[in-house]
Every structure is written in structure tokens, then in C-alpha cells.
């Protein structure tokens, strides 16, 4: 053996022999660390097992109730509709027939402010709107064929979760805008017996989304109803339809107000978003590549809910998922209530937001804000429907008696079975006569009665005033 190597080995051996054995304290400390580590591991495993069974139980209860737990399940959960009975296929033909102007004029007529009561039209605007409506005559005729169907199932694949594409929503809202413009044109030109049918057509377009289990679909439906209310308000300020037309439109508003689709929309939203909490490493990496990095538009991908084992076992996103499912269950229970009781969700969500931040439920914190606002938007839509229904009853009273009612109680029972309630405080809708006409209003989300103060078209950020939801007729 090499003498140098032998000398080095002897030196190392002597050094090892000279090392002092660990003291009793060091041995106790080592054992304490081992026991602590074992306890932490046992506590983690116990926590993880309990979390696993808690989430499994939540999903099992949903399936036992016949509810979907993923976007893929949502696809098969929806009621199948035969092609021959599916009005959505005919509506798709209407979408395809819709042309647009080749210049900025299409943007001008798409502005929602055109149908507001306070927006006066110039002769140029009148001509532009007339040309735009006539250009879309074929699309509107085909859409009228579509709304005669009773069943609608638009082609949507919900397994894409938050990336689910719903191009029919934009097309429907555009058709609704065109029909609103047609209603306003009819009122401007004194076609008293025609414009109420156009507004009823708007409501029929909105009703094609009644069975669609997605929050975006529900919000699009509310937007279309809002347009119908605004078209009615503007038209009543310029024209006086007959009792039969008012009665039919009043019944149409009452009917669409009877449908509470928000619980269904939230149940669908829960199913679509649940797999987002169980991303695989590949899905996480692909989502990190932005369009700017790749130079190509990002393609949506299906959320399969199959995470990598180590990511799943860590429990970080699983605890987030558990809180999300718990919160969604409570949100749906609130949505099932009639306003103003449903609006108690606002105070409850303040507590949820604190817990979300404090316990680092990141994904839940991203997904919940639109859901919390949806209940308020639903109440706002209900308020608008009730205002329109009441205004049409007042117009029928005026046609019958030759005057405005001194109080809404005069409308019962001939024109209203009961006075509609304000969704925001449960009191009756407010009514005030004016020098010309009247205003009916709801106190809106702040619950403060502002005497029927109408919100400006564009509210400045420095404006500290509160406003009501109003329906005003000045004639």
C-alpha cells in the first residue's frame, strides 16, 4: 500500500477514536427532535386523511342529490334535446344571417345608451338605426322562428371550466340590442301596437338561456332583460299603446320574473370550477405560458381534475377546494331565497373574504367575488322587472280612468293582484307623481330612499350621491 495513503488512514482512525460520545443532553435532544418530527408527520397524515374523507363526502352528497361535480359531468347532466326540438340550432342560423356595417356605424348602433329614455335621437341617428335594423331583418325573422321552440340547448362544452367558450351569449345580446332598437323605432314613429311585441320578443330571447347552468349565461340573461326594461321605459315616454298590448307585455314581464335561475347557474359554476383546484404539473406549466411568451393565442384546455400525486398529497389546494365547496353550498342556499333575505349573503361574504385572506385560500379568493355580486345583480334585475310590470299597470289604469293613480293601491285588483315588493328592503315599490307623468323606484343596494333620484348615464368617480333604480314616464 502506498505509504502516504497508509499514514492518512491512520490519522483518520485516531481522529475518529478521539471523538467524544454524545452527552446525555444531546441524546435526549436528538430523541426529542425525532419524536417531534414523528408527531408532526402523524398530525399531518391524520389531517390529510380527514380532509380526504371530508371532500369525498361533499362530492358524494352532491352526486346523491343528482348534481354534477365537474364540467364533464355537467355536460352529461344537462337534459338532452333532440335536434328537431332544439330551438338553439335555429337560433344559430339567425346568428349566421346577421351582417354588420363595414365601418364604425356598427359600433354606434351597438351602444346601449341609444335606448335610454333621456337620449334624444337626431334625424341622422334615426336613419342610421333604421338602416341597421333593416339590414338585420333576415336574422330577426329567423330568430322569431327559433323562439317558437320550447327547448334550447346551445352547444357548450363545460369541461373547459373557466375557459369554456360561449359565443352564443354575445350573439344573443347583439340580437337583443337590435330588437330593442326596433322597439324604440316603432315608438318614435307612433306604431303603438307594434313596439310592445318587440319588447316581448326581447324577453323571449332572454328566456332561451333559462336552463343554461352557467353564471355568465345568467348574467347575459339579466343584461337582456335590462335592455327590455329600458326599451319599455323609453317607448312609454314617446307613445301610448292600447290596453291589450300593455296587458300582454305586463304578463310577459311577470312571467320572466317568476324564474329564479341563479341557483342552477351557481350549481353549474361549482361543477365547472372544482377541477381547477386539481391541476396537474403539465396544466400548471401550460397556464404559465402567456400569449406574449409563445407568440400564439392560447388554446383553451379541458380541466380533468387529475393532479400529480405529490401536489394532491400536500393538501394545499385540497383545503382550498374544501373551503370553496363549503362556500358554494352556502351561496346556493342564499340564492334560493327570495330577496331581500337573499341579500344577507353580502354580510356573510365579508366574513368569507377575511377567512380567505387569513388562511391563504388563493383560488377561492379569485373565484368567489363574481358569485357574491351575482345575488345583488339578481335582485336588481327583479327590481327592474317589477318596475316595468307596475308601469304597464299604471298605463292601463290611465287608459281606463283618464288619469294617473294617486296611489299604487288604486291599481288593485283590476290591474295588479298586489303591489310588487322592493327586492332590497321588502317594502312596496315607491311611486311619485310629477308635474308631467310619474316615477316608480326601488331603493337599490344601499337601501336608502333617495326620493326617486335617477342615476346619471355616466357617474363620476367623485360623485358621492346615492341613487335609486327608477322607471320614469314623463307624459
Foldseek 3Di string as FASTA:
>chain_A
DDPVVVVVVVVVVVVVVPDDDDDPVVVVVVVVVVVVVVVVVVVLVVVLVVLVVLVVVLCVVCVVVVFFQALQSVVVSADDDDPVQALQVLLVVLLVQQDADPDCLRVVLLDLCCLAQPDDDDPVRLVSLVVNLVSSVVSVVSLVVSLVHPAHDHDWRLLLFPPTDDVVLVSLLSSLSNLLSVLLSCLQVAVQQPSLVSLLSLLSSLCNLLRPQALVNVVSSLVSLVSSLSSLLNSLQRYAHALVSLQVSLVSLVVSLVRLSLLSNLSSNSRSCLLVLADAPVRVVLVPQACVNVVHHDDGDGRPSHYDPVSVSVCPSSVLSSLLSVVSVVLSVLSVDFFPSSLVLLVVVVVVLVCCVVVVSPVSNVPCPVSNCSSLSSLVSSFSSLQSSLVSLQSNVCVVPVDGDPDSVVSPPVSPVDADARRNPRHGWDKDQDPFWIKTWHQGNVRDCPPQADDDPDDDPPDPDGHIGMRTHGD
